Protein backbone atom coordinates (compact mmCIF):
# COMPACT_ATOMS: atom_id res chain seq x y z
CA UNK A 1 126.87 102.71 117.52
CA UNK A 2 130.47 104.14 116.98
CA UNK A 3 132.63 104.44 114.13
CA UNK A 4 136.09 104.30 114.40
CA UNK A 5 139.12 104.40 112.03
CA UNK A 6 138.97 105.54 108.32
CA UNK A 7 135.41 105.67 107.17
CA UNK A 8 134.14 102.90 105.25
CA UNK A 9 132.55 103.73 101.74
CA UNK A 10 130.58 101.73 99.14
CA UNK A 11 129.63 102.23 95.53
CA UNK A 12 125.79 103.16 94.66
CA UNK A 13 124.10 100.21 93.53
CA UNK A 14 122.94 100.27 89.66
CA UNK A 15 119.41 101.63 90.41
CA UNK A 16 120.76 104.35 92.53
CA UNK A 17 123.13 105.68 90.01
CA UNK A 18 120.54 107.71 88.11
CA UNK A 19 118.88 109.53 90.97
CA UNK A 20 121.23 112.19 92.00
CA UNK A 21 121.49 113.56 88.59
CA UNK A 22 117.91 113.84 88.24
CA UNK A 23 116.62 115.14 91.75
CA UNK A 24 115.16 118.19 91.88
CA UNK A 25 113.04 120.49 94.09
CA UNK A 26 109.79 119.28 91.94
CA UNK A 27 111.06 115.71 91.94
CA UNK A 28 113.14 114.88 94.95
CA UNK A 29 113.25 111.06 94.71
CA UNK A 30 112.16 110.82 97.97
CA UNK A 31 109.10 108.60 99.30
CA UNK A 32 107.39 108.14 102.28
CA UNK A 33 106.15 104.88 103.95
CA UNK A 34 104.01 105.27 107.20
CA UNK A 35 102.29 103.18 109.68
CA UNK A 36 99.04 104.18 111.42
CA UNK A 37 99.08 103.08 114.88
CA UNK A 38 95.76 102.68 117.18
CA UNK A 39 97.13 105.06 119.68
CA UNK A 40 99.04 108.57 119.70
CA UNK A 41 102.88 108.23 119.10
CA UNK A 42 105.12 108.67 122.24
CA UNK A 43 108.33 110.45 120.70
CA UNK A 44 110.64 109.24 123.49
CA UNK A 45 110.00 105.68 122.80
CA UNK A 46 110.09 106.19 118.94
CA UNK A 47 113.60 107.94 119.47
CA UNK A 48 114.70 104.91 121.49
CA UNK A 49 113.34 102.22 118.78
CA UNK A 50 114.95 104.26 116.10
CA UNK A 51 118.33 104.20 117.81
CA UNK A 52 118.02 100.21 117.86
CA UNK A 53 116.74 99.85 114.32
CA UNK A 54 119.73 101.83 112.99
CA UNK A 55 121.89 99.47 114.84
CA UNK A 56 120.28 96.94 112.67
CA UNK A 57 120.44 98.86 109.52
CA UNK A 58 124.16 100.62 110.06
CA UNK A 59 124.49 101.60 106.48
CA UNK A 60 121.33 103.68 106.85
CA UNK A 61 123.67 106.31 108.68
CA UNK A 62 125.45 106.90 105.41
CA UNK A 63 125.96 110.07 103.45
CA UNK A 64 126.33 110.75 99.85
CA UNK A 65 129.83 112.03 98.29
CA UNK A 66 130.72 112.93 95.10
CA UNK A 67 133.71 111.25 93.41
CA UNK A 68 135.69 111.77 90.08
CA UNK A 69 133.63 109.21 88.24
CA UNK A 70 130.63 108.28 90.49
CA UNK A 71 128.95 109.24 93.47
CA UNK A 72 129.06 107.14 96.35
CA UNK A 73 128.09 106.44 100.07
CA UNK A 74 130.26 106.90 103.28
CA UNK A 75 129.71 105.88 106.70
CA UNK A 76 129.17 108.82 109.15
CA UNK A 77 128.84 109.56 112.84
CA UNK A 78 125.52 111.46 112.15
CA UNK A 79 122.19 109.81 114.02
CA UNK A 80 118.75 110.34 113.13
CA UNK A 81 116.47 111.92 115.70
CA UNK A 82 112.43 111.76 115.40
CA UNK A 83 110.70 115.05 115.21
CA UNK A 84 106.83 116.06 114.68
CA UNK A 85 105.75 116.46 111.18
CA UNK A 86 105.94 120.24 110.33
CA UNK A 87 107.14 120.57 106.66
CA UNK A 88 105.09 119.52 103.78
CA UNK A 89 105.81 115.54 102.32
CA UNK A 90 108.81 114.32 100.52
CA UNK A 91 111.16 117.44 100.54
CA UNK A 92 114.50 117.05 99.45
CA UNK A 93 116.87 114.92 101.82
CA UNK A 94 120.38 115.42 99.82
CA UNK A 95 122.02 118.37 99.15
CA UNK A 96 125.66 118.70 97.76
CA UNK A 97 126.45 121.40 99.99
CA UNK A 98 125.80 119.85 103.21
CA UNK A 99 126.53 116.56 104.92
CA UNK A 100 123.19 114.88 105.97
CA UNK A 101 121.52 111.56 106.17
CA UNK A 102 119.45 109.91 103.43
CA UNK A 103 116.47 109.43 105.68
CA UNK A 104 114.30 111.05 108.35
CA UNK A 105 111.38 110.12 110.73
CA UNK A 106 108.53 112.26 111.87
CA UNK A 107 105.43 111.44 113.64
CA UNK A 108 102.24 113.26 113.49
CA UNK A 109 99.18 112.11 115.99
CA UNK A 110 99.17 108.31 115.53
CA UNK A 111 101.54 107.92 112.54
CA UNK A 112 104.92 107.13 112.12
CA UNK A 113 106.52 108.29 109.03
CA UNK A 114 109.68 107.27 107.12
CA UNK A 115 111.04 109.49 104.11
CA UNK A 116 114.04 108.23 102.47
CA UNK A 117 116.06 109.17 99.53
CA UNK A 118 115.79 106.69 96.44
CA UNK A 119 119.48 106.38 96.43
CA UNK A 120 119.65 104.26 99.78
CA UNK A 121 117.13 101.86 98.87
CA UNK A 122 113.65 101.02 97.17
CA UNK A 123 110.50 100.59 98.46
CA UNK A 124 110.87 96.90 99.80
CA UNK A 125 113.88 98.05 101.52
CA UNK A 126 112.28 100.96 103.13
CA UNK A 127 109.10 98.71 104.29
CA UNK A 128 111.64 96.48 105.85
CA UNK A 129 113.32 99.24 108.13
CA UNK A 130 109.68 100.60 108.80
CA UNK A 131 108.38 97.48 110.20
CA UNK A 132 111.61 96.99 112.24
CA UNK A 133 111.28 100.47 113.86
CA UNK A 134 107.24 99.90 114.44
CA UNK A 135 108.00 96.46 115.77
CA UNK A 136 111.01 97.76 118.09
CA UNK A 137 108.44 100.83 119.45
CA UNK A 138 105.49 98.66 120.30
CA UNK A 139 107.78 95.98 122.11
CA UNK A 140 108.86 98.76 124.18
CA UNK A 141 105.65 100.79 124.48
CA UNK A 142 103.72 97.62 125.70
CA UNK A 143 106.65 95.72 127.26
CA UNK A 144 104.17 94.67 130.03
CA UNK A 145 102.08 92.74 127.37
CA UNK A 146 104.96 90.59 126.20
CA UNK A 147 106.51 87.33 127.89
CA UNK A 148 109.09 85.53 126.72
CA UNK A 149 109.89 84.49 124.41
CA UNK A 150 109.48 87.93 122.52
CA UNK A 151 107.43 88.05 119.10
CA UNK A 152 109.99 87.88 116.25
CA UNK A 153 109.92 89.61 112.80
CA UNK A 154 110.10 87.05 109.86
CA UNK A 155 112.99 89.14 108.42
CA UNK A 156 116.34 88.42 110.16
CA UNK A 157 118.90 89.14 107.45
CA UNK A 158 122.53 89.77 108.68
CA UNK A 159 124.12 93.13 107.95
CA UNK A 160 126.10 91.78 104.81
CA UNK A 161 122.86 90.62 103.53
CA UNK A 162 121.12 93.62 104.11
CA UNK A 163 124.15 95.81 102.27
CA UNK A 164 124.26 93.09 99.20
CA UNK A 165 124.39 94.69 95.93
CA UNK A 166 122.38 92.01 94.06
CA UNK A 167 122.35 93.90 90.85
CA UNK A 168 126.14 93.02 90.83
CA UNK A 169 125.39 89.48 92.17
CA UNK A 170 123.17 88.43 88.95
CA UNK A 171 124.65 90.28 86.46
CA UNK A 172 126.14 88.35 83.47
CA UNK A 173 127.85 90.12 80.78
CA UNK A 174 125.37 90.26 77.85
CA UNK A 175 125.76 90.73 73.93
CA UNK A 176 125.32 94.71 73.13
CA UNK A 177 121.86 95.52 74.20
CA UNK A 178 119.33 96.36 71.25
CA UNK A 179 117.81 99.93 71.71
CA UNK A 180 114.32 99.91 72.79
CA UNK A 181 111.94 102.24 70.73
CA UNK A 182 108.79 103.39 72.39
CA UNK A 183 106.36 106.10 70.87
CA UNK A 184 106.06 109.01 72.85
CA UNK A 185 103.20 108.50 75.57
CA UNK A 186 100.19 110.60 76.56
CA UNK A 187 101.32 113.18 79.46
CA UNK A 188 98.85 114.81 81.72
CA UNK A 189 98.63 118.39 81.90
CA UNK A 190 97.10 120.84 84.37
CA UNK A 191 97.83 123.65 86.76
CA UNK A 192 100.65 122.85 89.17
CA UNK A 193 100.79 123.32 93.11
CA UNK A 194 102.93 126.29 94.30
CA UNK A 195 106.15 125.66 95.73
CA UNK A 196 106.54 122.14 93.98
CA UNK A 197 103.99 120.88 96.92
CA UNK A 198 102.33 117.34 96.64
CA UNK A 199 98.33 116.80 97.02
CA UNK A 200 97.97 113.25 98.40
CA UNK A 201 94.78 111.37 98.16
CA UNK A 202 94.08 108.03 100.03
CA UNK A 203 91.82 105.38 99.43
CA UNK A 204 91.24 102.61 102.00
CA UNK A 205 89.31 99.57 101.07
CA UNK A 206 88.85 95.82 101.79
CA UNK A 207 91.38 93.62 100.46
CA UNK A 208 88.72 90.45 100.11
CA UNK A 209 86.38 92.72 97.99
CA UNK A 210 89.31 93.87 95.90
CA UNK A 211 90.34 90.12 95.43
CA UNK A 212 86.83 89.28 94.29
CA UNK A 213 86.91 91.62 91.50
CA UNK A 214 90.26 90.70 90.23
CA UNK A 215 89.43 86.83 90.01
CA UNK A 216 86.23 87.58 88.43
CA UNK A 217 88.31 89.05 85.43
CA UNK A 218 91.04 86.39 85.59
CA UNK A 219 93.63 89.06 86.74
CA UNK A 220 95.88 90.06 90.19
CA UNK A 221 94.78 92.85 92.05
CA UNK A 222 97.89 94.86 90.69
CA UNK A 223 96.92 93.90 87.00
CA UNK A 224 93.03 95.36 87.73
CA UNK A 225 94.10 98.69 89.28
CA UNK A 226 96.70 99.38 86.49
CA UNK A 227 93.73 98.62 84.12
CA UNK A 228 91.64 100.96 86.15
CA UNK A 229 94.23 103.86 86.39
CA UNK A 230 94.72 103.62 82.57
CA UNK A 231 90.91 104.15 82.00
CA UNK A 232 90.78 107.04 84.80
CA UNK A 233 93.54 108.70 82.82
CA UNK A 234 91.70 107.99 79.43
CA UNK A 235 88.49 109.78 80.91
CA UNK A 236 90.47 113.04 81.30
CA UNK A 237 92.10 112.96 77.47
CA UNK A 238 90.63 115.02 74.45
CA UNK A 239 89.81 113.11 71.49
CA UNK A 240 92.81 114.17 70.00
CA UNK A 241 95.02 113.10 72.47
CA UNK A 242 94.22 109.14 71.68
CA UNK A 243 96.82 109.31 69.03
CA UNK A 244 99.39 108.89 72.02
CA UNK A 245 99.10 105.72 74.13
CA UNK A 246 98.69 105.85 78.01
CA UNK A 247 101.63 104.37 79.69
CA UNK A 248 102.05 103.23 83.17
CA UNK A 249 105.17 102.50 84.63
CA UNK A 250 105.20 99.48 86.97
CA UNK A 251 108.14 98.87 89.52
CA UNK A 252 108.82 95.15 89.78
CA UNK A 253 110.42 93.81 93.21
CA UNK A 254 113.33 91.91 91.89
CA UNK A 255 113.52 89.73 95.12
CA UNK A 256 110.46 87.92 94.14
CA UNK A 257 112.37 86.17 90.95
CA UNK A 258 115.85 86.12 92.51
CA UNK A 259 116.87 85.06 95.78
CA UNK A 260 118.09 88.56 97.59
CA UNK A 261 117.95 89.67 101.30
CA UNK A 262 119.18 93.10 100.33
CA UNK A 263 117.90 96.03 101.79
CA UNK A 264 119.40 98.30 99.02
CA UNK A 265 117.78 98.98 95.59
CA UNK A 266 116.80 95.80 93.67
CA UNK A 267 114.19 96.33 91.34
CA UNK A 268 113.40 97.37 87.73
CA UNK A 269 110.43 98.66 85.95
CA UNK A 270 107.89 97.43 83.08
CA UNK A 271 106.05 99.55 80.88
CA UNK A 272 102.27 98.95 80.25
CA UNK A 273 100.83 100.69 77.25
CA UNK A 274 97.33 101.01 75.98
CA UNK A 275 96.23 102.51 72.74
CA UNK A 276 92.59 103.68 72.75
CA UNK A 277 92.86 104.72 69.19
CA UNK A 278 93.06 101.14 68.28
CA UNK A 279 92.02 99.51 71.23
CA UNK A 280 88.51 99.16 73.12
CA UNK A 281 87.83 101.27 75.93
CA UNK A 282 85.81 98.62 78.25
CA UNK A 283 87.30 97.54 81.39
CA UNK A 284 87.46 94.05 80.53
CA UNK A 285 89.60 94.43 77.29
CA UNK A 286 91.88 96.76 79.26
CA UNK A 287 92.30 94.40 81.85
CA UNK A 288 93.10 91.65 79.50
CA UNK A 289 95.61 93.73 77.77
CA UNK A 290 97.41 94.62 81.30
CA UNK A 291 97.28 90.86 82.35
CA UNK A 292 99.00 89.72 78.84
CA UNK A 293 101.85 92.40 78.98
CA UNK A 294 102.48 91.37 82.83
CA UNK A 295 102.81 87.57 81.96
CA UNK A 296 105.07 88.51 78.84
CA UNK A 297 107.40 90.72 81.04
CA UNK A 298 107.23 89.32 84.46
CA UNK A 299 109.46 85.96 83.57
CA UNK A 300 112.94 85.15 85.20
CA UNK A 301 114.29 85.14 81.56
CA UNK A 302 113.10 88.81 80.59
CA UNK A 303 113.93 90.19 84.00
CA UNK A 304 117.46 88.73 83.84
CA UNK A 305 117.71 90.53 80.52
CA UNK A 306 116.48 93.56 82.29
CA UNK A 307 119.29 93.47 84.88
CA UNK A 308 122.13 92.63 82.11
CA UNK A 309 120.88 95.73 80.16
CA UNK A 310 120.80 97.78 83.30
CA UNK A 311 124.35 97.10 84.29
CA UNK A 312 125.71 97.01 80.90
CA UNK A 313 126.66 100.71 80.61
CA UNK A 314 128.08 100.52 84.38
CA UNK A 315 130.17 97.76 83.20
CA UNK A 316 131.57 99.56 80.10
CA UNK A 317 135.24 100.47 80.74
CA UNK A 318 135.11 103.48 78.14
CA UNK A 319 131.88 104.95 79.97
CA UNK A 320 133.14 104.06 83.58
CA UNK A 321 136.04 106.53 82.99
CA UNK A 322 133.79 109.58 81.75
CA UNK A 323 134.01 112.09 84.57
CA UNK A 324 130.78 112.36 86.96
CA UNK A 325 130.09 115.76 85.59
CA UNK A 326 129.28 114.56 82.27
CA UNK A 327 127.93 111.34 83.48
CA UNK A 328 125.46 113.69 85.41
CA UNK A 329 124.57 115.49 81.78
CA UNK A 330 124.32 112.13 80.14
CA UNK A 331 122.02 110.52 82.83
CA UNK A 332 119.63 113.50 82.91
CA UNK A 333 119.12 113.55 79.18
CA UNK A 334 118.65 109.91 79.26
CA UNK A 335 115.74 110.16 82.17
CA UNK A 336 114.25 113.20 80.18
CA UNK A 337 113.88 110.76 77.06
CA UNK A 338 112.50 108.10 79.15
CA UNK A 339 110.19 110.32 80.88
CA UNK A 340 108.38 111.27 77.58
CA UNK A 341 107.39 107.51 77.04
CA UNK A 342 105.55 107.31 80.40
CA UNK A 343 102.23 108.88 81.66
CA UNK A 344 101.91 107.66 85.00
CA UNK A 345 103.36 105.23 87.47
CA UNK A 346 101.51 102.44 89.69
CA UNK A 347 103.75 100.76 92.43
CA UNK A 348 102.55 97.72 94.69
CA UNK A 349 104.48 97.31 97.69
CA UNK A 350 102.51 94.28 98.54
CA UNK A 351 101.05 92.67 101.74
CA UNK A 352 102.42 93.89 105.02
CA UNK A 353 102.82 91.30 107.74
CA UNK A 354 103.91 91.74 111.36
CA UNK A 355 103.99 89.39 114.25
CA UNK A 356 100.42 88.22 115.27
CA UNK A 357 101.05 89.53 119.01
CA UNK A 358 101.65 93.15 117.80
CA UNK A 359 99.01 93.55 115.14
CA UNK A 360 96.39 94.56 117.38
CA UNK A 361 98.13 97.87 117.97
CA UNK A 362 98.40 98.67 114.29
CA UNK A 363 95.64 100.02 112.10
CA UNK A 364 97.12 100.45 108.90
CA UNK A 365 100.25 100.80 106.44
CA UNK A 366 100.91 103.13 103.41
CA UNK A 367 103.01 104.62 101.11
CA UNK A 368 103.69 107.60 98.49
CA UNK A 369 106.42 109.30 96.47
CA UNK A 370 107.27 112.41 95.17
CA UNK A 371 106.69 112.29 91.50
CA UNK A 372 106.66 115.03 88.68
CA UNK A 373 103.58 112.96 87.53
CA UNK A 374 100.91 111.14 89.00
CA UNK A 375 101.71 108.08 90.82
CA UNK A 376 99.71 105.54 92.86
CA UNK A 377 101.21 103.59 95.34
CA UNK A 378 99.54 100.56 97.18
CA UNK A 379 100.03 98.17 100.09
CA UNK A 380 97.60 96.08 102.23
CA UNK A 381 97.50 95.01 105.93
CA UNK A 382 95.25 92.76 107.41
CA UNK A 383 91.99 93.24 105.48
CA UNK A 384 92.60 96.85 104.55
CA UNK A 385 94.11 98.00 101.12
CA UNK A 386 95.52 101.52 101.00
CA UNK A 387 95.94 103.15 97.76
CA UNK A 388 97.75 106.51 97.94
CA UNK A 389 97.96 109.05 94.85
CA UNK A 390 100.72 111.70 94.97
CA UNK A 391 100.97 114.32 92.41
CA UNK A 392 101.93 117.84 91.58
CA UNK A 393 98.46 118.81 90.23
CA UNK A 394 95.79 120.86 91.49
CA UNK A 395 92.96 118.79 89.83
CA UNK A 396 91.93 115.47 91.21
CA UNK A 397 90.03 114.19 87.99
CA UNK A 398 92.14 111.17 87.60
CA UNK A 399 91.81 110.16 91.06
CA UNK A 400 88.15 110.82 91.42
CA UNK A 401 87.33 108.67 88.42
CA UNK A 402 89.73 105.87 89.73
CA UNK A 403 87.66 105.57 92.99
CA UNK A 404 84.54 105.85 91.29
CA UNK A 405 85.32 103.28 89.05
CA UNK A 406 86.04 101.01 92.17
CA UNK A 407 82.80 102.03 93.90
CA UNK A 408 80.84 101.02 90.95
CA UNK A 409 82.38 97.63 91.22
CA UNK A 410 81.00 97.18 94.50
CA UNK A 411 83.81 98.13 96.69
CA UNK A 412 83.47 100.25 99.57
CA UNK A 413 86.20 103.11 99.46
CA UNK A 414 86.71 105.65 102.40
CA UNK A 415 88.81 108.55 101.18
CA UNK A 416 91.15 110.53 102.96
CA UNK A 417 93.32 113.46 101.52
CA UNK A 418 95.88 116.31 102.88
CA UNK A 419 94.48 118.73 100.02
CA UNK A 420 96.75 122.22 100.19
CA UNK A 421 93.81 123.81 98.97
CA UNK A 422 90.04 123.72 98.64
CA UNK A 423 88.41 122.81 94.90
């Protein structure tokens, strides 16, 4: 696909604006989505599939540039090339000193890996891209197996819908937002891996077993797993640490509440805190508390208020005129203050579906990110649930306690890891 004439450009969406000023070697704001097939990847066919996929998602070939007041995305003639995986996961994709795409595609054995800078999209948008890439790859790889009409992906948004900034679509000028004051959260400690490397621990388990356990407690799978994570963190805390709450940040896909086909960022977060100095430690009590927090925060009204609050500063004329260099410092300080109010993150990408005709070629999907603290990312495909922990610490005590809790509930868990050292 060739671009002619003066390059088009677009503003970063509201969520993307904070990432450039807070990206670093230890927190690159890059996340990985992967698909594991049931056969080795053919790199030539994968390249062909990638060429077709970027024609459907042309804005993925944008580069980020710095303006006087904001960063922005500009169309480029750069095209992605697939390559074998040869570097640690989630290395930085953006550098102000070079012109480069904000995503890359690797392969390793049976896995197709998509790494993407959070400025470009969120988890839902990235998974849409990966599913399209895998779909096109498998149609070409096994073309002799498919007859007309070819199987169709459920996701068929237009280019304009894919590039829609849904934050602006649903923003309404609100009254001056009230500041939300939160206590400083408990923060995990421990020896970190050298060179800002990540340790990845995956847990594979059956979906139906998780559903049975969550339904037995009157909760969703996300609520139950958030509660299990809170207790796994508490198991590593010293007695005096109970003075601070364990706070989990949970990203929320706003497309589930406000109609949108956007493949850009369209998410917010909620905070689920638990104070072990005042509340009991048993799983049922923690799960019930998490359930209440989700029900209170996950309403259209509360989320619309959140959209308005997030966009308020962006639409404040005096602040819009602040030079980008100063904005970067302000956003960096704000992010550091917010970071003190969270312990870990839990992100549920949701259920991944593909056309039935090609599902037999796919083993699983998964995801993880590059956090400065522990983050669990989960998704399901068919009857397989994949929970991936990513973190900078040498110790895996939290992950071990988390998966042991699931085993104690009667759930079969298969563990895989890329440990960069032997404990």
